[in-house]
Protein backbone atom coordinates (compact mmCIF):
# COMPACT_ATOMS: atom_id res chain seq x y z
CA MET A 1 -6.15 -4.82 7.47
CA ILE A 2 -3.94 -3.02 10.02
CA ILE A 3 -1.16 -4.93 11.75
CA SER A 4 0.15 -3.13 14.83
CA PHE A 5 3.75 -2.03 15.30
CA ARG A 6 3.93 -4.06 18.49
CA ARG A 7 3.01 -7.28 16.66
CA LEU A 8 5.49 -6.66 13.87
CA CYS A 9 8.28 -5.77 16.29
CA LEU A 10 7.52 -8.90 18.30
CA PHE A 11 7.68 -10.91 15.08
CA ALA A 12 11.10 -9.45 14.19
CA CYS A 13 12.46 -9.79 17.73
CA LEU A 14 11.42 -13.42 17.89
CA MET A 15 13.44 -14.10 14.78
CA LEU A 16 16.44 -12.37 16.28
CA LEU A 17 16.14 -14.40 19.48
CA MET A 18 15.91 -17.59 17.46
CA GLY A 19 19.35 -16.95 16.07
CA TRP A 20 18.73 -16.00 12.48
CA SER A 21 21.97 -14.97 10.78
CA ASN A 22 22.65 -11.32 10.00
CA GLY A 23 24.06 -12.12 6.60
CA ILE A 24 23.36 -10.00 3.57
CA LYS A 25 23.62 -10.77 -0.09
CA ALA A 26 24.62 -8.34 -2.83
CA GLU A 27 22.33 -8.78 -5.82
CA THR A 28 23.82 -6.05 -7.99
CA SER A 29 26.80 -3.72 -7.88
CA GLU A 30 24.49 -0.91 -6.77
CA LEU A 31 21.98 -2.52 -4.42
CA THR A 32 22.41 -4.76 -1.40
CA TRP A 33 19.63 -7.12 -0.36
CA HIS A 34 19.36 -8.68 3.08
CA ASP A 35 18.76 -12.40 2.94
CA ASN A 36 16.66 -12.65 6.10
CA TYR A 37 13.86 -10.69 7.69
CA SER A 38 15.45 -9.93 11.04
CA SER A 39 18.59 -8.26 9.70
CA ALA A 40 16.51 -6.23 7.27
CA VAL A 41 14.20 -5.00 10.04
CA LYS A 42 17.19 -3.99 12.18
CA ALA A 43 18.69 -2.05 9.27
CA ALA A 44 15.40 -0.35 8.36
CA ILE A 45 14.84 0.73 11.97
CA ALA A 46 18.39 2.03 12.27
CA ASP A 47 18.16 3.98 9.00
CA LYS A 48 14.52 5.03 9.49
CA LYS A 49 13.62 3.77 6.05
CA MET A 50 10.81 1.79 4.50
CA LEU A 51 11.63 -1.88 4.05
CA VAL A 52 10.98 -3.47 0.65
CA ILE A 53 10.68 -7.26 0.84
CA TYR A 54 10.82 -9.23 -2.37
CA PHE A 55 9.32 -12.67 -1.82
CA PHE A 56 10.49 -14.86 -4.68
CA ASP A 57 9.79 -18.35 -6.01
CA GLU A 58 11.25 -20.42 -8.85
CA SER A 59 8.65 -19.47 -11.44
CA GLU A 60 9.35 -17.89 -14.81
CA THR A 61 7.26 -14.92 -13.72
CA ALA A 62 9.56 -14.23 -10.76
CA SER A 63 12.66 -14.72 -12.89
CA ARG A 64 11.37 -12.26 -15.48
CA PHE A 65 10.45 -9.80 -12.73
CA GLU A 66 14.01 -9.89 -11.39
CA ASN A 67 15.73 -9.67 -14.77
CA GLU A 68 13.47 -7.12 -16.43
CA VAL A 69 11.92 -5.06 -13.63
CA LEU A 70 14.17 -5.10 -10.57
CA ALA A 71 17.21 -4.77 -12.84
CA ASN A 72 15.78 -1.71 -14.57
CA ARG A 73 17.94 1.35 -13.94
CA ASN A 74 15.04 3.62 -13.02
CA VAL A 75 13.60 1.04 -10.64
CA GLN A 76 17.00 0.50 -9.04
CA GLU A 77 17.36 4.23 -8.49
CA LEU A 78 14.07 4.25 -6.59
CA LEU A 79 14.97 1.10 -4.65
CA GLY A 80 18.05 2.93 -3.41
CA ASN A 81 15.76 4.91 -1.10
CA TYR A 82 14.70 1.75 0.74
CA THR A 83 16.16 -0.99 2.90
CA LEU A 84 15.89 -4.19 0.84
CA ALA A 85 15.29 -7.86 1.62
CA LYS A 86 14.99 -10.85 -0.69
CA LEU A 87 13.29 -13.89 0.84
CA SER A 88 11.91 -17.14 -0.49
CA VAL A 89 8.14 -17.51 -0.40
CA ASP A 90 8.81 -20.54 1.81
CA ALA A 91 11.09 -18.73 4.27
CA ASN A 92 10.31 -19.79 7.83
CA VAL A 93 10.91 -18.44 11.32
CA ALA A 94 10.82 -20.43 14.53
CA ILE A 95 8.14 -19.18 16.92
CA ASP A 96 7.57 -21.18 20.11
CA GLU A 97 9.96 -23.74 18.65
CA LYS A 98 7.66 -24.25 15.68
CA PRO A 99 8.61 -23.25 12.14
CA THR A 100 6.27 -20.53 10.86
CA ARG A 101 6.15 -19.52 7.23
CA ILE A 102 6.56 -15.76 7.08
CA LEU A 103 3.92 -15.37 4.36
CA ASN A 104 1.45 -17.17 6.60
CA HIS A 105 1.76 -14.39 9.18
CA ALA A 106 -1.32 -12.17 9.32
CA ALA A 107 0.77 -9.07 8.58
CA PHE A 108 1.31 -10.34 5.04
CA GLY A 109 -2.20 -11.64 4.42
CA TYR A 110 -2.72 -9.61 1.25
CA MET A 111 0.27 -11.29 -0.40
CA TYR A 112 -2.04 -14.33 -0.59
CA GLY A 113 0.91 -16.60 0.03
CA GLY A 114 2.62 -15.85 -3.28
CA ALA A 115 5.68 -14.11 -4.69
CA GLY A 116 5.70 -10.34 -4.86
CA ILE A 117 6.60 -7.09 -3.14
CA ALA A 118 5.70 -6.03 0.40
CA ILE A 119 6.71 -2.75 2.03
CA VAL A 120 6.93 -2.08 5.77
CA ASP A 121 7.13 1.50 7.06
CA TYR A 122 9.93 2.30 9.53
CA THR A 123 10.27 5.98 8.64
CA ASN A 124 8.59 7.44 11.75
CA ASN A 125 6.49 9.73 9.56
CA ASP A 126 3.36 8.80 11.49
CA PRO A 127 3.26 6.74 14.71
CA THR A 128 0.06 5.03 13.53
CA GLU A 129 1.90 3.66 10.48
CA TYR A 130 5.30 2.89 12.01
CA GLY A 131 5.97 -0.82 11.61
CA GLN A 132 2.90 -1.33 9.44
CA VAL A 133 2.87 -3.32 6.21
CA VAL A 134 1.82 -0.49 3.89
CA SER A 135 2.06 -2.19 0.48
CA GLN A 136 1.42 -5.75 -0.69
CA PHE A 137 1.57 -6.55 -4.39
CA ASN A 138 1.96 -10.15 -5.47
CA LEU A 139 3.24 -11.14 -8.90
CA LYS A 140 0.11 -11.69 -10.91
CA ALA A 141 0.87 -14.71 -13.08
CA PRO A 142 1.47 -14.94 -15.91
CA GLN A 143 2.06 -11.25 -16.64
CA GLY A 144 3.89 -10.42 -13.42
CA ARG A 145 4.65 -6.76 -12.70
CA THR A 146 5.87 -4.12 -15.12
CA VAL A 147 8.51 -1.42 -14.74
CA GLU A 148 5.77 1.20 -14.71
CA GLN A 149 3.85 -0.58 -11.95
CA MET A 150 6.99 -0.91 -9.85
CA GLN A 151 7.81 2.76 -10.29
CA VAL A 152 4.32 3.68 -9.11
CA ILE A 153 4.59 1.33 -6.11
CA LEU A 154 7.91 2.85 -5.08
CA THR A 155 6.66 6.45 -5.31
CA LEU A 156 3.41 6.12 -3.36
CA PRO A 157 2.99 8.65 -0.52
CA PRO A 158 3.27 7.53 3.11
CA GLY A 159 -0.05 6.11 4.24
CA SER A 160 -1.88 2.94 5.22
CA LEU A 161 -2.08 -0.23 3.15
CA THR A 162 -5.59 0.51 1.91
CA GLN A 163 -4.85 4.17 1.19
CA ARG A 164 -1.75 3.38 -0.84
CA THR A 165 -3.42 0.55 -2.74
CA LEU A 166 -6.27 2.80 -3.86
CA ILE A 167 -3.85 5.58 -4.84
CA TYR A 168 -1.91 2.98 -6.83
CA ALA A 169 -5.09 1.99 -8.68
CA VAL A 170 -5.81 5.63 -9.52
CA ARG A 171 -2.29 6.24 -10.79
CA MET A 172 -2.28 3.06 -12.87
CA HIS A 173 -5.50 3.90 -14.71
CA PRO A 174 -4.74 4.21 -18.47
CA GLU A 175 -6.14 7.75 -18.63
CA LYS A 176 -3.77 8.99 -15.90
CA PRO A 177 -6.25 10.96 -13.76
CA LYS A 178 -4.65 13.92 -12.02
CA SER A 179 -6.26 13.81 -8.58
CA THR A 180 -3.14 12.39 -6.88
CA LYS A 181 -0.76 14.99 -8.32
CA GLY A 182 -1.42 17.31 -5.39
CA ILE A 183 -0.37 16.82 -1.78
CA PHE A 184 -1.60 13.78 0.14
CA ARG A 185 -3.14 15.54 3.14
CA ARG A 186 -3.53 13.72 6.46
CA LEU A 187 -6.74 15.60 7.19
CA LEU A 188 -8.39 14.29 4.03
CA ALA A 189 -6.89 10.83 4.46
CA LEU A 190 -8.46 10.62 7.92
CA GLU A 191 -11.81 11.73 6.54
CA THR A 192 -11.69 9.12 3.76
CA PHE A 193 -10.81 6.48 6.34
CA ARG A 194 -13.77 7.46 8.50
CA HIS A 195 -16.27 7.59 5.68
CA SER A 196 -15.07 4.35 4.08
CA ARG A 197 -15.38 2.69 7.48
CA ASN A 198 -18.86 4.14 7.88
CA GLN A 199 -19.98 2.85 4.47
CA ALA A 200 -18.52 -0.58 5.26
CA SER A 201 -20.29 -0.65 8.62
CA MET A 202 -23.60 0.26 6.97
CA GLN A 203 -22.83 -1.97 3.97
CA LEU A 204 -24.17 0.88 1.90
CA GLN A 205 -22.33 3.08 -0.56
CA GLY A 206 -23.16 6.78 -0.52
CA HIS A 207 -22.25 10.33 0.50
CA HIS A 208 -23.86 9.92 3.91
CA GLN A 209 -24.12 13.17 5.89
CA TRP A 210 -21.95 14.93 3.32
CA GLU A 211 -23.49 18.36 3.95
CA SER A 212 -22.33 18.43 7.57
CA ARG A 213 -19.02 16.73 6.77
CA PHE A 214 -18.43 19.25 3.96
CA HIS A 215 -18.57 22.17 6.37
CA GLN A 216 -16.44 20.40 8.98
CA ILE A 217 -13.73 19.65 6.42
CA LYS A 218 -13.90 23.09 4.81
CA ALA A 219 -13.38 24.76 8.18
CA GLN A 220 -10.05 22.94 8.55
CA LEU A 221 -8.74 23.78 5.06
CA PRO A 222 -6.66 26.88 4.38
CA GLY A 223 -7.83 29.75 2.20
CA ASN A 224 -10.82 29.29 -0.06
CA LEU A 225 -10.31 25.59 -0.73
CA LEU A 226 -13.47 23.54 -1.17
CA PRO A 227 -13.75 19.78 -0.53
CA THR A 228 -15.22 17.35 -3.06
CA GLU A 229 -16.03 13.68 -2.42
CA VAL A 230 -16.33 10.54 -4.54
CA CYS A 231 -17.52 7.11 -3.37
CA ALA A 232 -17.53 3.64 -4.93
CA GLU A 233 -17.84 -0.03 -4.07
CA SER A 234 -16.28 -3.23 -5.36
CA TRP A 235 -17.84 -6.53 -6.28
CA PRO A 236 -18.20 -8.93 -3.32
CA GLY A 237 -15.21 -11.09 -2.55
CA GLN A 238 -12.63 -9.23 -4.61
CA ARG A 239 -9.01 -9.13 -3.48
CA LEU A 240 -7.66 -5.82 -2.22
CA GLU A 241 -5.89 -4.65 -5.39
CA ASP A 242 -8.66 -5.91 -7.67
CA ALA A 243 -11.24 -4.13 -5.53
CA ALA A 244 -9.29 -0.87 -5.75
CA ILE A 245 -9.10 -1.17 -9.54
CA GLU A 246 -12.82 -1.91 -9.68
CA CYS A 247 -13.63 1.19 -7.63
CA VAL A 248 -11.59 3.37 -9.99
CA ARG A 249 -13.36 1.72 -12.93
CA SER A 250 -16.67 2.57 -11.30
CA TRP A 251 -15.67 6.22 -11.04
CA ARG A 252 -14.70 6.19 -14.70
CA HIS A 253 -18.27 5.25 -15.63
CA SER A 254 -19.73 8.27 -13.78
CA SER A 255 -19.05 11.62 -15.45
CA GLY A 256 -19.41 13.55 -12.21
CA HIS A 257 -17.13 11.28 -10.21
CA TRP A 258 -14.58 11.02 -13.00
CA SER A 259 -14.43 14.79 -13.35
CA ALA A 260 -13.39 14.97 -9.69
CA VAL A 261 -10.93 12.06 -9.92
CA SER A 262 -9.38 13.45 -13.11
CA SER A 263 -8.92 17.04 -11.99
CA ASP A 264 -5.92 18.68 -10.36
CA ASN A 265 -6.23 19.27 -6.64
CA VAL A 266 -4.25 21.14 -4.04
CA TYR A 267 -4.79 18.29 -1.55
CA TYR A 268 -6.25 14.80 -1.79
CA GLY A 269 -7.02 11.73 0.29
CA TYR A 270 -8.12 8.19 -0.60
CA ASP A 271 -9.05 5.12 1.42
CA MET A 272 -11.18 1.97 1.30
CA LYS A 273 -12.58 -0.49 3.83
CA ARG A 274 -14.20 -3.90 3.51
CA GLY A 275 -17.64 -4.65 4.92
CA ARG A 276 -18.80 -7.92 6.40
CA ASN A 277 -20.51 -8.58 3.08
CA GLY A 278 -17.11 -8.87 1.38
CA VAL A 279 -17.57 -5.57 -0.47
CA TRP A 280 -14.87 -2.89 -0.38
CA TYR A 281 -16.12 0.69 0.01
CA ALA A 282 -13.90 3.46 -1.33
CA THR A 283 -13.78 7.20 -0.71
CA GLY A 284 -11.79 10.01 -2.27
CA ILE A 285 -11.86 13.57 -0.92
CA PHE A 286 -10.17 16.46 -2.73
CA ALA A 287 -9.53 20.09 -1.88
CA ARG A 288 -9.31 22.62 -4.70
CA ASN A 289 -9.71 26.34 -5.23
CA ARG A 290 -13.14 27.77 -5.91
C-alpha cells in the first residue's frame, strides 16, 4: 500500500492547524522523543531524517519492548540516526472538527491498529518515497519484538514499505541468506516492483517473459553482471509481514531459489504485491558476476 506524500503532509498540516502542542519528552539521557505527531513531522522534515514512531499501549508486551529493546545500547545508537516520536495507540487528531485516531488513518493500515513501530521517510533520497510510511511492524503479542529484529528494522535500506518488509524477512531468516549483503539497486527494485505487480494482476506466480526481461536488465547493468530472478507467493489472506516470511520460507524449500537467495550479489532488489485474491506475490532479482 502506497500513501502519497501529499496525503501525509496534509495529515500533518491539519494537526498543526488544529493546535497540537510542540512539546517533546525526553525518554532517556541520550534520546529525545516527540510526544505528538505534528512536532515530530516538522523536526523530521527540517533535519531530512526518517521518522520512527513508537505507538505504545499499556500491555506487558509494550512495557517489555521499552525496557529491554528500546533501552538496549545498540538499538539506541541506531535510533540516534532518526527523528523519534512516542504516541499512544489511541492518540487522536482533529480533522474537520472530528477526532480521528491516528492508527485508523490509511497510511498506517499495516499496523493493524496495534502497538509497534512505524517509520516515515523524510530523507529526500527518492521523491517517490518522500513522506511515505516505509516500515510498519506491530508488537506481536505475546513475544513482542527482539533486539535483533529492531536492529534489522533500523538498518533496512531506503525503499518502499513492501520492499523493506520483504528484505526484513530475508534478513531475519535463521540461516542468514546473503542476498541482501550487496547494494540495494534502484534498477532491480523497480524491476521487482513491476514483476510483482504483474504476477498480482495475473494472480499467477511465475517468471513470466523472463527471457526478454533478462536481456533488458542485463543491458542496464555494468560490466559482466548477470541478473537472476526468484518468485514466490503467500497463502491467501496473510498479513504483510507474515506473507513476506512465507515467501522466504517458500524459497527455502526450493534448492534453485534458495541458492540464489543465499548467495552474495553485487546488487539486489526485492518487492511484493498483493493480488485481488488476497495472495502476495514476491520477486527478488540479483546481479552477480559470471
